[in-house]
Amino acid sequence: MEKNPHFNPADYTVAIKNRGRAPKPWRWEICVAGKSKPVLQSDFFETMSEATRAGKAALAEFLSERAA
């Protein structure tokens, strides 16, 4: 399988959003430059730090799958 020549990992970021109601308002979203909607988004988390840890791990996994 050939690598996608247009894939640039620097175009992808993880954003932490407060989009829910207590007790679990936080979620992560993986965004790509030039798109208004997230590529992926999570279920809700109780704390921002939980969402951040999970979002960073999800971004790393997403990028490794896309690069393969």
C-alpha atoms as a PDB file:
ATOM      1  CA  MET A   1       0.000   0.000   0.000  1.00  0.00           C
ATOM      2  CA  GLU A   2       1.388   3.391  -0.977  1.00  0.00           C
ATOM      3  CA  LYS A   3       1.392   6.331   1.380  1.00  0.00           C
ATOM      4  CA  ASN A   4      -0.954   9.199   0.611  1.00  0.00           C
ATOM      5  CA  PRO A   5       1.220  12.047  -0.742  1.00  0.00           C
ATOM      6  CA  HIS A   6      -1.377  14.621   0.364  1.00  0.00           C
ATOM      7  CA  PHE A   7      -1.496  13.449   3.991  1.00  0.00           C
ATOM      8  CA  ASN A   8       0.182  15.910   6.355  1.00  0.00           C
ATOM      9  CA  PRO A   9      -0.022  15.058  10.084  1.00  0.00           C
ATOM     10  CA  ALA A  10       0.495  18.724  10.963  1.00  0.00           C
ATOM     11  CA  ASP A  11      -2.952  19.475   9.484  1.00  0.00           C
ATOM     12  CA  TYR A  12      -4.672  17.499  12.276  1.00  0.00           C
ATOM     13  CA  THR A  13      -5.246  18.773  15.809  1.00  0.00           C
ATOM     14  CA  VAL A  14      -7.177  17.720  18.861  1.00  0.00           C
ATOM     15  CA  ALA A  15      -9.539  20.248  20.436  1.00  0.00           C
ATOM     16  CA  ILE A  16     -11.165  19.929  23.838  1.00  0.00           C
ATOM     17  CA  LYS A  17     -14.708  21.289  23.937  1.00  0.00           C
ATOM     18  CA  ASN A  18     -17.255  21.913  26.664  1.00  0.00           C
ATOM     19  CA  ARG A  19     -20.332  20.769  24.752  1.00  0.00           C
ATOM     20  CA  GLY A  20     -22.401  18.816  27.256  1.00  0.00           C
ATOM     21  CA  ARG A  21     -24.166  19.158  30.549  1.00  0.00           C
ATOM     22  CA  ALA A  22     -22.887  18.254  33.984  1.00  0.00           C
ATOM     23  CA  PRO A  23     -21.664  15.815  35.165  1.00  0.00           C
ATOM     24  CA  LYS A  24     -19.892  15.002  31.849  1.00  0.00           C
ATOM     25  CA  PRO A  25     -19.601  18.144  29.711  1.00  0.00           C
ATOM     26  CA  TRP A  26     -16.173  17.619  28.075  1.00  0.00           C
ATOM     27  CA  ARG A  27     -15.338  15.937  24.771  1.00  0.00           C
ATOM     28  CA  TRP A  28     -12.402  15.840  22.383  1.00  0.00           C
ATOM     29  CA  GLU A  29     -12.643  16.464  18.657  1.00  0.00           C
ATOM     30  CA  ILE A  30     -10.037  15.736  15.982  1.00  0.00           C
ATOM     31  CA  CYS A  31     -10.069  18.562  13.455  1.00  0.00           C
ATOM     32  CA  VAL A  32      -8.327  19.009  10.124  1.00  0.00           C
ATOM     33  CA  ALA A  33      -7.292  22.309   8.579  1.00  0.00           C
ATOM     34  CA  GLY A  34      -9.839  23.667   6.129  1.00  0.00           C
ATOM     35  CA  LYS A  35     -12.821  21.714   7.451  1.00  0.00           C
ATOM     36  CA  SER A  36     -15.534  23.118   9.687  1.00  0.00           C
ATOM     37  CA  LYS A  37     -16.684  19.770  11.121  1.00  0.00           C
ATOM     38  CA  PRO A  38     -14.507  17.452  13.201  1.00  0.00           C
ATOM     39  CA  VAL A  39     -13.170  14.256  11.649  1.00  0.00           C
ATOM     40  CA  LEU A  40     -13.798  12.351  14.905  1.00  0.00           C
ATOM     41  CA  GLN A  41     -15.328  13.174  18.259  1.00  0.00           C
ATOM     42  CA  SER A  42     -15.585  11.360  21.548  1.00  0.00           C
ATOM     43  CA  ASP A  43     -18.225  10.574  24.070  1.00  0.00           C
ATOM     44  CA  PHE A  44     -18.332  12.877  27.091  1.00  0.00           C
ATOM     45  CA  PHE A  45     -15.865  13.049  30.018  1.00  0.00           C
ATOM     46  CA  GLU A  46     -16.217  14.446  33.534  1.00  0.00           C
ATOM     47  CA  THR A  47     -13.061  16.562  33.440  1.00  0.00           C
ATOM     48  CA  MET A  48     -11.124  18.515  30.869  1.00  0.00           C
ATOM     49  CA  SER A  49      -7.928  16.656  31.776  1.00  0.00           C
ATOM     50  CA  GLU A  50      -9.557  13.257  31.114  1.00  0.00           C
ATOM     51  CA  ALA A  51     -10.750  14.473  27.719  1.00  0.00           C
ATOM     52  CA  THR A  52      -7.300  15.900  26.933  1.00  0.00           C
ATOM     53  CA  ARG A  53      -5.480  12.644  27.728  1.00  0.00           C
ATOM     54  CA  ALA A  54      -7.946  10.570  25.732  1.00  0.00           C
ATOM     55  CA  GLY A  55      -7.934  13.047  22.840  1.00  0.00           C
ATOM     56  CA  LYS A  56      -4.139  13.037  22.550  1.00  0.00           C
ATOM     57  CA  ALA A  57      -4.126   9.237  22.523  1.00  0.00           C
ATOM     58  CA  ALA A  58      -6.894   9.150  19.910  1.00  0.00           C
ATOM     59  CA  LEU A  59      -5.042  11.644  17.708  1.00  0.00           C
ATOM     60  CA  ALA A  60      -1.835   9.587  17.888  1.00  0.00           C
ATOM     61  CA  GLU A  61      -3.738   6.416  16.935  1.00  0.00           C
ATOM     62  CA  PHE A  62      -5.609   8.209  14.143  1.00  0.00           C
ATOM     63  CA  LEU A  63      -2.390   9.602  12.665  1.00  0.00           C
ATOM     64  CA  SER A  64      -0.605   6.248  12.833  1.00  0.00           C
ATOM     65  CA  GLU A  65      -3.507   4.557  11.017  1.00  0.00           C
ATOM     66  CA  ARG A  66      -3.603   7.273   8.343  1.00  0.00           C
ATOM     67  CA  ALA A  67       0.161   7.179   7.800  1.00  0.00           C
ATOM     68  CA  ALA A  68       0.211   3.399   7.273  1.00  0.00           C
END
